[in-house]
Amino acid sequence: MSADAHVFGMPELIGSSAQETAEQVGVLPEASGWNREDFAREQIRSLVQRVFFASGEQPVKQVVFSAAEPQLDVARICEQVARALAVETHSDVAIVAREAGAAEMVGGRPESAGSPSMKSRGHHLAANLWRVSESWFRGLESGTGLHWLSCLAELRNEFEYSVIQGPAAGTSSGAALPGQLADGIILVLGARSTRRATARNIKETLEGANCRILGTVLSERTFPVPERIYRQL
């Protein structure tokens, strides 16, 4: 299933359910003339432009995507973002995420930095796009703060850009750590599941940990929101 994603400044449209949100914006799920797949691709491209290529004092090269709830498909969003990013630049891009459909593994032995390059250990997907090896990613998930620091430094040495799947922010106290060490964090919210209060609590927790929040992504949306609404967000 593809992700319907849009970057918001704040998750103000998130209500207790998708139906509540649809009623707030006054649209129907079956709105005519709206192609879900085309819309998803355009939103991912917009996300890439606004996050990685917007002018600002702090360049964004490493971004962590963290789900508000563990069931949200962050890995697929990371893949879509990384593939779109690789089209927009000639620089090397890394996908640091669980492969789509792969079962989550608890624990795992971290790979040490300084071993053969991540490019040689990973999968070369396109001219400038790599997926790091599954064992390296699992080691990153289970690693300590020092291991995260070492691994992110290794990523910076080999890739200009990294799109990273982080721990679920709504259930893991460790979600703030990669957000602190990378250039920023993007919170993934579920259109049909994430409550407004939950999103606000997570945002406050991340800000309290000095994470740079780059925006939020609304996934699993099955209805369009008019452009006039987007301009107000």
Protein backbone atom coordinates (compact mmCIF):
# COMPACT_ATOMS: atom_id res chain seq x y z
CA MET A 1 0.00 0.00 0.00
CA SER A 2 1.40 3.35 -0.95
CA ALA A 3 1.64 6.16 1.53
CA ASP A 4 -0.46 9.26 1.08
CA ALA A 5 1.87 11.76 2.67
CA HIS A 6 1.91 15.48 3.12
CA VAL A 7 4.22 17.64 5.22
CA PHE A 8 2.43 19.87 7.67
CA GLY A 9 3.86 22.49 10.00
CA MET A 10 1.71 21.07 12.80
CA PRO A 11 -0.82 18.22 12.86
CA GLU A 12 -3.84 20.47 13.36
CA LEU A 13 -6.15 18.38 11.16
CA ILE A 14 -5.63 15.18 13.15
CA GLY A 15 -8.82 14.25 14.94
CA SER A 16 -10.04 11.12 16.66
CA SER A 17 -10.86 9.39 13.37
CA ALA A 18 -10.63 9.73 9.60
CA GLN A 19 -14.39 10.38 9.47
CA GLU A 20 -14.06 13.31 11.89
CA THR A 21 -11.27 14.79 9.78
CA ALA A 22 -13.28 14.35 6.57
CA GLU A 23 -16.18 16.20 8.14
CA GLN A 24 -13.90 19.03 9.28
CA VAL A 25 -12.60 19.72 5.77
CA GLY A 26 -15.95 19.04 4.08
CA VAL A 27 -14.88 16.44 1.53
CA LEU A 28 -16.00 12.90 0.73
CA PRO A 29 -13.64 9.89 0.44
CA GLU A 30 -14.99 9.24 -3.06
CA ALA A 31 -14.26 12.74 -4.37
CA SER A 32 -14.29 12.59 -8.16
CA GLY A 33 -11.25 13.33 -10.27
CA TRP A 34 -8.77 12.42 -7.52
CA ASN A 35 -6.15 9.74 -8.25
CA ARG A 36 -4.70 8.40 -5.03
CA GLU A 37 -1.44 7.06 -6.49
CA ASP A 38 -0.67 10.23 -8.45
CA PHE A 39 -1.49 12.31 -5.40
CA ALA A 40 0.82 10.19 -3.20
CA ARG A 41 3.73 10.58 -5.63
CA GLU A 42 3.25 14.34 -5.83
CA GLN A 43 3.13 14.66 -2.05
CA ILE A 44 6.32 12.63 -1.64
CA ARG A 45 8.07 14.83 -4.22
CA SER A 46 6.84 17.93 -2.39
CA LEU A 47 8.12 16.52 0.88
CA VAL A 48 11.58 15.96 -0.61
CA GLN A 49 11.72 19.49 -2.03
CA ARG A 50 10.60 21.14 1.21
CA VAL A 51 12.75 19.11 3.58
CA PHE A 52 16.02 18.55 1.73
CA PHE A 53 16.25 21.45 -0.71
CA ALA A 54 14.63 24.37 1.08
CA SER A 55 17.03 27.23 1.75
CA GLY A 56 17.96 27.62 5.38
CA GLU A 57 20.83 28.09 7.78
CA GLN A 58 20.92 24.40 8.75
CA PRO A 59 21.22 22.01 5.78
CA VAL A 60 19.28 18.75 6.05
CA LYS A 61 21.16 15.62 4.99
CA GLN A 62 20.09 12.97 7.51
CA VAL A 63 16.40 12.66 8.38
CA VAL A 64 14.75 10.24 10.79
CA PHE A 65 11.13 9.18 10.22
CA SER A 66 9.39 8.13 13.42
CA ALA A 67 5.87 6.72 13.69
CA ALA A 68 3.38 7.92 16.25
CA GLU A 69 2.18 4.30 16.45
CA PRO A 70 4.12 1.09 15.74
CA GLN A 71 1.65 -0.27 13.16
CA LEU A 72 2.24 2.61 10.73
CA ASP A 73 4.29 1.63 7.67
CA VAL A 74 7.26 3.95 8.07
CA ALA A 75 9.61 1.68 6.12
CA ARG A 76 7.59 2.13 2.93
CA ILE A 77 7.48 5.90 3.39
CA CYS A 78 11.27 5.94 3.85
CA GLU A 79 11.68 3.99 0.61
CA GLN A 80 9.37 6.30 -1.33
CA VAL A 81 11.14 9.39 0.01
CA ALA A 82 14.62 8.03 -0.70
CA ARG A 83 13.72 7.02 -4.25
CA ALA A 84 12.20 10.44 -4.95
CA LEU A 85 15.25 12.13 -3.42
CA ALA A 86 17.62 10.09 -5.60
CA VAL A 87 15.81 11.40 -8.69
CA GLU A 88 16.22 15.00 -7.53
CA THR A 89 19.98 14.84 -6.91
CA HIS A 90 23.13 13.29 -8.32
CA SER A 91 24.50 12.76 -4.81
CA ASP A 92 24.50 9.36 -3.09
CA VAL A 93 21.39 8.49 -1.06
CA ALA A 94 20.94 5.75 1.55
CA ILE A 95 17.75 4.02 2.65
CA VAL A 96 18.20 2.99 6.26
CA ALA A 97 15.00 1.08 6.93
CA ARG A 98 13.50 -2.36 7.28
CA GLU A 99 12.80 -3.91 3.89
CA ALA A 100 9.12 -3.80 2.98
CA GLY A 101 7.38 -6.91 4.23
CA ALA A 102 10.27 -8.01 6.46
CA ALA A 103 9.37 -9.07 9.98
CA GLU A 104 10.67 -6.97 12.83
CA MET A 105 13.56 -8.55 14.70
CA VAL A 106 14.01 -7.86 18.38
CA GLY A 107 17.60 -7.44 19.47
CA GLY A 108 20.40 -8.29 17.10
CA ARG A 109 24.12 -7.77 17.16
CA PRO A 110 25.31 -4.31 16.08
CA GLU A 111 27.84 -4.25 13.28
CA SER A 112 30.93 -2.28 14.15
CA ALA A 113 31.88 0.84 12.26
CA GLY A 114 35.03 0.51 10.24
CA SER A 115 34.10 -2.82 8.61
CA PRO A 116 33.72 -2.98 4.79
CA SER A 117 31.83 -0.03 3.32
CA MET A 118 28.07 0.12 3.64
CA LYS A 119 27.79 0.39 -0.13
CA SER A 120 29.52 -2.97 -0.57
CA ARG A 121 27.45 -4.57 2.23
CA GLY A 122 24.13 -3.11 1.07
CA HIS A 123 21.99 -3.28 -2.06
CA HIS A 124 22.64 -0.98 -5.00
CA LEU A 125 19.13 -0.02 -6.14
CA ALA A 126 19.86 2.77 -8.65
CA ALA A 127 22.77 4.84 -9.93
CA ASN A 128 22.97 6.88 -6.72
CA LEU A 129 20.72 4.92 -4.36
CA TRP A 130 21.63 2.19 -1.85
CA ARG A 131 19.77 0.28 0.83
CA VAL A 132 22.02 -0.52 3.77
CA SER A 133 22.19 -4.18 4.76
CA GLU A 134 19.41 -5.57 6.94
CA SER A 135 21.92 -6.71 9.57
CA TRP A 136 23.43 -3.22 9.75
CA PHE A 137 19.98 -1.70 10.20
CA ARG A 138 19.02 -4.20 12.91
CA GLY A 139 22.24 -3.47 14.71
CA LEU A 140 21.44 0.23 14.54
CA GLU A 141 17.97 -0.38 16.03
CA SER A 142 19.39 -2.26 19.00
CA GLY A 143 22.47 -0.11 19.52
CA THR A 144 23.25 2.31 22.33
CA GLY A 145 23.64 6.06 22.05
CA LEU A 146 27.34 5.77 21.22
CA HIS A 147 26.55 3.19 18.54
CA TRP A 148 23.95 5.51 16.97
CA LEU A 149 26.52 8.32 16.97
CA SER A 150 29.14 6.11 15.32
CA CYS A 151 26.73 4.73 12.72
CA LEU A 152 25.34 8.12 11.74
CA ALA A 153 28.91 9.39 11.34
CA GLU A 154 29.65 6.41 9.08
CA LEU A 155 26.56 7.21 7.02
CA ARG A 156 27.70 10.82 6.60
CA ASN A 157 31.09 9.62 5.36
CA GLU A 158 29.60 7.45 2.62
CA PHE A 159 26.35 9.17 1.65
CA GLU A 160 25.33 12.74 1.06
CA TYR A 161 21.75 11.98 2.15
CA SER A 162 20.26 9.36 4.48
CA VAL A 163 16.59 8.54 5.03
CA ILE A 164 16.35 6.64 8.32
CA GLN A 165 13.58 4.65 9.97
CA GLY A 166 13.69 5.44 13.67
CA PRO A 167 11.94 3.87 16.66
CA ALA A 168 8.21 4.57 17.03
CA ALA A 169 7.92 7.84 18.92
CA GLY A 170 4.63 6.90 20.56
CA THR A 171 5.93 3.73 22.21
CA SER A 172 9.72 4.06 22.52
CA SER A 173 11.64 6.32 24.88
CA GLY A 174 14.61 5.97 22.52
CA ALA A 175 12.90 7.74 19.63
CA ALA A 176 14.37 11.10 20.61
CA LEU A 177 17.99 9.89 20.40
CA PRO A 178 18.27 9.55 16.60
CA GLY A 179 16.28 12.77 16.29
CA GLN A 180 18.91 14.54 18.36
CA LEU A 181 21.86 13.11 16.43
CA ALA A 182 20.50 13.43 12.88
CA ASP A 183 19.62 16.71 11.16
CA GLY A 184 15.98 16.38 12.14
CA ILE A 185 12.98 14.15 12.67
CA ILE A 186 9.68 13.81 10.81
CA LEU A 187 6.73 12.39 12.71
CA VAL A 188 4.46 9.97 10.82
CA LEU A 189 0.81 10.17 11.88
CA GLY A 190 -2.02 7.81 10.94
CA ALA A 191 -5.05 9.45 9.34
CA ARG A 192 -7.31 6.73 10.73
CA SER A 193 -5.65 6.17 14.09
CA THR A 194 -3.59 9.03 15.53
CA ARG A 195 -5.44 11.31 17.92
CA ARG A 196 -4.65 15.00 18.09
CA ALA A 197 -3.69 14.77 21.77
CA THR A 198 -1.26 11.93 21.01
CA ALA A 199 0.44 13.94 18.27
CA ARG A 200 0.77 16.98 20.53
CA ASN A 201 2.20 14.93 23.41
CA ILE A 202 4.80 13.34 21.14
CA LYS A 203 5.72 16.73 19.69
CA GLU A 204 6.20 18.20 23.17
CA THR A 205 8.34 15.23 24.22
CA LEU A 206 10.59 15.51 21.16
CA GLU A 207 10.94 19.28 21.55
CA GLY A 208 11.78 18.79 25.23
CA ALA A 209 14.60 16.48 24.13
CA ASN A 210 15.92 19.20 21.77
CA CYS A 211 14.96 17.33 18.61
CA ARG A 212 14.64 19.39 15.48
CA ILE A 213 11.15 18.58 14.19
CA LEU A 214 11.07 19.14 10.44
CA GLY A 215 7.36 18.42 10.03
CA THR A 216 4.77 15.69 10.08
CA VAL A 217 3.53 13.21 7.50
CA LEU A 218 -0.10 12.13 7.41
CA SER A 219 -0.24 8.55 6.12
CA GLU A 220 -3.03 6.12 5.26
CA ARG A 221 -5.25 8.93 4.05
CA THR A 222 -8.09 7.70 1.81
CA PHE A 223 -9.59 11.08 0.93
CA PRO A 224 -8.26 14.31 -0.62
CA VAL A 225 -7.94 17.63 1.19
CA PRO A 226 -8.54 20.75 -0.94
CA GLU A 227 -5.54 22.87 -1.82
CA ARG A 228 -7.06 25.84 0.00
CA ILE A 229 -6.86 23.79 3.22
CA TYR A 230 -3.19 22.90 2.59
CA ARG A 231 -2.29 26.56 2.25
CA GLN A 232 -3.60 27.21 5.75
CA LEU A 233 -1.44 24.51 7.38
